[in-house]
Amino acid sequence: MIVLASPAASQVVPGILGFLVVAGMGLALFFLLWSMNKHLRKVVREPKWREEARQAQQDDGRARQDDGQARQGDRQARQDEPEQDYTHNGTSQA
């Protein structure tokens, strides 16, 4: 008669020791991730050089915008002047 409760000699059964090892690794992983999250919360979100670069880019954009407005003013002033006739290369054709 074969006893169904006991495994055969060729079968490998993890048993209670295997369970304890896997459970211990899971518990260690839980505390490792908990500690990592705690340390990551302390990390500065944005480095200072990024903020300085963003500020410089905004300042450059404002300078370009001011330059564009000055150019627009020049265009407006040129539109008010009468256009010159360049068809005769500046010579009179009377």
N, C-alpha and C. Protein backbone atom coordinates (compact mmCIF):
# COMPACT_ATOMS: atom_id res chain seq x y z
N MET A 1 0.82 -1.16 0.00
CA MET A 1 0.00 0.00 0.00
C MET A 1 0.88 1.24 0.00
N ILE A 2 0.50 2.24 -0.81
CA ILE A 2 1.28 3.46 -0.95
C ILE A 2 0.65 4.53 -0.05
N VAL A 3 1.50 5.17 0.68
CA VAL A 3 1.02 6.25 1.54
C VAL A 3 1.05 7.53 0.72
N LEU A 4 -0.09 8.21 0.58
CA LEU A 4 -0.20 9.40 -0.25
C LEU A 4 0.34 10.66 0.43
N ALA A 5 0.46 10.68 1.71
CA ALA A 5 0.89 11.87 2.43
C ALA A 5 2.38 12.11 2.34
N SER A 6 3.17 11.09 2.18
CA SER A 6 4.62 11.28 2.14
C SER A 6 5.10 11.29 0.68
N PRO A 7 6.00 12.21 0.33
CA PRO A 7 6.50 12.29 -1.04
C PRO A 7 7.46 11.15 -1.34
N ALA A 8 7.62 10.89 -2.61
CA ALA A 8 8.56 9.85 -3.01
C ALA A 8 9.98 10.34 -2.77
N ALA A 9 10.91 9.43 -2.76
CA ALA A 9 12.30 9.77 -2.47
C ALA A 9 12.90 10.66 -3.56
N SER A 10 12.40 10.57 -4.80
CA SER A 10 12.95 11.38 -5.89
C SER A 10 12.33 12.78 -5.98
N GLN A 11 11.28 13.06 -5.23
CA GLN A 11 10.64 14.37 -5.27
C GLN A 11 11.29 15.30 -4.25
N VAL A 12 11.38 16.57 -4.66
CA VAL A 12 11.95 17.58 -3.77
C VAL A 12 10.80 18.40 -3.22
N VAL A 13 10.74 18.55 -1.94
CA VAL A 13 9.67 19.29 -1.28
C VAL A 13 10.33 20.39 -0.47
N PRO A 14 9.88 21.64 -0.68
CA PRO A 14 10.53 22.73 0.05
C PRO A 14 10.28 22.67 1.55
N GLY A 15 9.11 22.33 1.93
CA GLY A 15 8.82 22.20 3.36
C GLY A 15 8.80 23.54 4.07
N ILE A 16 8.85 23.45 5.37
CA ILE A 16 8.75 24.64 6.22
C ILE A 16 9.99 25.50 6.10
N LEU A 17 11.15 24.90 5.91
CA LEU A 17 12.39 25.66 5.79
C LEU A 17 12.37 26.53 4.53
N GLY A 18 11.89 26.02 3.42
CA GLY A 18 11.77 26.80 2.19
C GLY A 18 10.82 27.96 2.37
N PHE A 19 9.70 27.71 3.04
CA PHE A 19 8.74 28.78 3.29
C PHE A 19 9.37 29.88 4.14
N LEU A 20 10.08 29.50 5.18
CA LEU A 20 10.69 30.50 6.06
C LEU A 20 11.75 31.33 5.32
N VAL A 21 12.50 30.70 4.43
CA VAL A 21 13.52 31.43 3.66
C VAL A 21 12.84 32.44 2.73
N VAL A 22 11.81 32.02 2.01
CA VAL A 22 11.11 32.92 1.09
C VAL A 22 10.41 34.04 1.88
N ALA A 23 9.78 33.72 2.99
CA ALA A 23 9.12 34.73 3.81
C ALA A 23 10.14 35.72 4.37
N GLY A 24 11.29 35.23 4.78
CA GLY A 24 12.36 36.12 5.30
C GLY A 24 12.88 37.05 4.21
N MET A 25 13.04 36.53 2.99
CA MET A 25 13.48 37.38 1.88
C MET A 25 12.42 38.43 1.55
N GLY A 26 11.15 38.06 1.60
CA GLY A 26 10.07 39.02 1.36
C GLY A 26 10.06 40.10 2.42
N LEU A 27 10.25 39.72 3.68
CA LEU A 27 10.30 40.69 4.76
C LEU A 27 11.50 41.62 4.62
N ALA A 28 12.65 41.07 4.26
CA ALA A 28 13.84 41.90 4.04
C ALA A 28 13.62 42.87 2.88
N LEU A 29 12.98 42.40 1.82
CA LEU A 29 12.69 43.26 0.67
C LEU A 29 11.74 44.39 1.07
N PHE A 30 10.74 44.08 1.90
CA PHE A 30 9.81 45.11 2.36
C PHE A 30 10.55 46.22 3.10
N PHE A 31 11.41 45.85 4.05
CA PHE A 31 12.13 46.86 4.82
C PHE A 31 13.17 47.59 3.97
N LEU A 32 13.75 46.93 3.00
CA LEU A 32 14.70 47.58 2.09
C LEU A 32 13.99 48.65 1.26
N LEU A 33 12.83 48.33 0.70
CA LEU A 33 12.07 49.30 -0.08
C LEU A 33 11.55 50.45 0.80
N TRP A 34 11.16 50.15 2.01
CA TRP A 34 10.69 51.17 2.93
C TRP A 34 11.81 52.16 3.24
N SER A 35 13.01 51.63 3.48
CA SER A 35 14.16 52.49 3.77
C SER A 35 14.53 53.31 2.54
N MET A 36 14.49 52.71 1.35
CA MET A 36 14.82 53.43 0.11
C MET A 36 13.85 54.59 -0.09
N ASN A 37 12.56 54.37 0.11
CA ASN A 37 11.58 55.44 -0.04
C ASN A 37 11.82 56.55 0.95
N LYS A 38 12.19 56.21 2.17
CA LYS A 38 12.47 57.21 3.19
C LYS A 38 13.65 58.09 2.77
N HIS A 39 14.68 57.48 2.20
CA HIS A 39 15.85 58.23 1.76
C HIS A 39 15.55 59.05 0.50
N LEU A 40 14.74 58.51 -0.38
CA LEU A 40 14.42 59.25 -1.61
C LEU A 40 13.57 60.48 -1.33
N ARG A 41 12.78 60.46 -0.27
CA ARG A 41 12.00 61.65 0.08
C ARG A 41 12.89 62.80 0.51
N LYS A 42 14.10 62.50 0.98
CA LYS A 42 15.04 63.53 1.42
C LYS A 42 15.77 64.18 0.25
N VAL A 43 15.75 63.55 -0.90
CA VAL A 43 16.49 64.05 -2.05
C VAL A 43 15.81 65.32 -2.58
N VAL A 44 16.62 66.29 -2.98
CA VAL A 44 16.09 67.54 -3.53
C VAL A 44 15.48 67.24 -4.89
N ARG A 45 14.28 67.77 -5.12
CA ARG A 45 13.57 67.48 -6.37
C ARG A 45 14.27 68.10 -7.58
N GLU A 46 14.60 69.38 -7.53
CA GLU A 46 15.22 70.08 -8.65
C GLU A 46 16.59 70.59 -8.22
N PRO A 47 17.64 70.26 -8.96
CA PRO A 47 18.95 70.82 -8.61
C PRO A 47 18.99 72.33 -8.87
N LYS A 48 19.86 73.04 -8.20
CA LYS A 48 19.93 74.49 -8.31
C LYS A 48 20.30 74.93 -9.72
N TRP A 49 21.16 74.17 -10.39
CA TRP A 49 21.60 74.60 -11.73
C TRP A 49 20.43 74.59 -12.72
N ARG A 50 19.45 73.72 -12.51
CA ARG A 50 18.29 73.72 -13.41
C ARG A 50 17.46 74.99 -13.24
N GLU A 51 17.29 75.40 -12.00
CA GLU A 51 16.54 76.63 -11.74
C GLU A 51 17.28 77.84 -12.31
N GLU A 52 18.61 77.86 -12.17
CA GLU A 52 19.40 78.96 -12.73
C GLU A 52 19.30 78.98 -14.25
N ALA A 53 19.36 77.81 -14.87
CA ALA A 53 19.25 77.74 -16.33
C ALA A 53 17.87 78.19 -16.79
N ARG A 54 16.84 77.79 -16.07
CA ARG A 54 15.48 78.19 -16.44
C ARG A 54 15.33 79.71 -16.32
N GLN A 55 15.92 80.28 -15.25
CA GLN A 55 15.85 81.73 -15.05
C GLN A 55 16.60 82.46 -16.16
N ALA A 56 17.77 81.94 -16.54
CA ALA A 56 18.54 82.56 -17.61
C ALA A 56 17.79 82.48 -18.93
N GLN A 57 17.13 81.37 -19.17
CA GLN A 57 16.36 81.21 -20.40
C GLN A 57 15.19 82.19 -20.43
N GLN A 58 14.53 82.40 -19.30
CA GLN A 58 13.43 83.35 -19.24
C GLN A 58 13.95 84.78 -19.47
N ASP A 59 15.11 85.09 -18.87
CA ASP A 59 15.69 86.41 -19.08
C ASP A 59 16.05 86.62 -20.53
N ASP A 60 16.60 85.58 -21.17
CA ASP A 60 16.95 85.66 -22.58
C ASP A 60 15.69 85.84 -23.43
N GLY A 61 14.63 85.17 -23.06
CA GLY A 61 13.37 85.31 -23.78
C GLY A 61 12.81 86.71 -23.65
N ARG A 62 12.95 87.29 -22.46
CA ARG A 62 12.48 88.68 -22.28
C ARG A 62 13.31 89.64 -23.11
N ALA A 63 14.63 89.41 -23.16
CA ALA A 63 15.50 90.28 -23.96
C ALA A 63 15.13 90.16 -25.44
N ARG A 64 14.86 88.95 -25.89
CA ARG A 64 14.47 88.77 -27.29
C ARG A 64 13.12 89.43 -27.56
N GLN A 65 12.23 89.35 -26.59
CA GLN A 65 10.92 89.96 -26.77
C GLN A 65 11.07 91.48 -26.84
N ASP A 66 11.91 92.04 -25.97
CA ASP A 66 12.15 93.49 -26.01
C ASP A 66 12.79 93.88 -27.33
N ASP A 67 13.73 93.06 -27.81
CA ASP A 67 14.38 93.33 -29.10
C ASP A 67 13.36 93.26 -30.23
N GLY A 68 12.45 92.30 -30.16
CA GLY A 68 11.40 92.18 -31.17
C GLY A 68 10.48 93.38 -31.17
N GLN A 69 10.16 93.88 -29.99
CA GLN A 69 9.31 95.07 -29.91
C GLN A 69 10.03 96.28 -30.48
N ALA A 70 11.33 96.39 -30.24
CA ALA A 70 12.11 97.51 -30.80
C ALA A 70 12.13 97.41 -32.32
N ARG A 71 12.29 96.20 -32.84
CA ARG A 71 12.29 96.02 -34.29
C ARG A 71 10.93 96.37 -34.88
N GLN A 72 9.88 96.04 -34.16
CA GLN A 72 8.54 96.37 -34.63
C GLN A 72 8.36 97.88 -34.70
N GLY A 73 8.92 98.59 -33.72
CA GLY A 73 8.87 100.04 -33.72
C GLY A 73 9.63 100.61 -34.91
N ASP A 74 10.79 99.99 -35.25
CA ASP A 74 11.56 100.43 -36.42
C ASP A 74 10.77 100.20 -37.69
N ARG A 75 10.11 99.08 -37.79
CA ARG A 75 9.31 98.80 -38.98
C ARG A 75 8.19 99.83 -39.13
N GLN A 76 7.57 100.15 -38.01
CA GLN A 76 6.47 101.12 -38.04
C GLN A 76 7.00 102.48 -38.48
N ALA A 77 8.18 102.87 -38.00
CA ALA A 77 8.76 104.15 -38.40
C ALA A 77 9.08 104.15 -39.89
N ARG A 78 9.57 103.01 -40.41
CA ARG A 78 9.90 102.93 -41.83
C ARG A 78 8.63 102.95 -42.69
N GLN A 79 7.54 102.43 -42.18
CA GLN A 79 6.31 102.44 -42.95
C GLN A 79 5.75 103.86 -43.08
N ASP A 80 6.04 104.69 -42.10
CA ASP A 80 5.57 106.07 -42.16
C ASP A 80 6.33 106.89 -43.19
N GLU A 81 7.57 106.50 -43.52
CA GLU A 81 8.37 107.24 -44.50
C GLU A 81 7.91 106.87 -45.91
N PRO A 82 8.00 107.81 -46.86
CA PRO A 82 7.65 107.47 -48.24
C PRO A 82 8.70 106.54 -48.84
N GLU A 83 8.26 105.65 -49.67
CA GLU A 83 9.19 104.71 -50.30
C GLU A 83 9.99 105.42 -51.38
N GLN A 84 11.23 105.00 -51.52
CA GLN A 84 12.08 105.59 -52.56
C GLN A 84 11.95 104.77 -53.82
N ASP A 85 12.12 105.43 -54.94
CA ASP A 85 12.05 104.77 -56.23
C ASP A 85 13.45 104.38 -56.66
N TYR A 86 13.72 103.07 -56.69
CA TYR A 86 15.05 102.58 -57.06
C TYR A 86 15.07 102.02 -58.49
N THR A 87 14.04 102.28 -59.26
CA THR A 87 14.00 101.69 -60.61
C THR A 87 15.04 102.30 -61.54
N HIS A 88 15.54 103.50 -61.28
CA HIS A 88 16.50 104.15 -62.17
C HIS A 88 17.88 104.24 -61.55
N ASN A 89 18.14 103.49 -60.51
CA ASN A 89 19.43 103.45 -59.84
C ASN A 89 19.89 104.84 -59.38
N GLY A 90 18.96 105.63 -59.00
CA GLY A 90 19.30 106.94 -58.47
C GLY A 90 19.62 107.98 -59.52
N THR A 91 19.52 107.67 -60.80
CA THR A 91 19.79 108.64 -61.84
C THR A 91 18.48 109.17 -62.38
N SER A 92 18.51 110.39 -62.82
CA SER A 92 17.28 110.95 -63.37
C SER A 92 17.12 110.51 -64.82
N GLN A 93 15.94 110.17 -65.20
CA GLN A 93 15.63 109.69 -66.55
C GLN A 93 14.66 110.65 -67.22
N ALA A 94 14.96 111.90 -67.25
CA ALA A 94 14.06 112.87 -67.83
C ALA A 94 14.13 113.00 -69.30
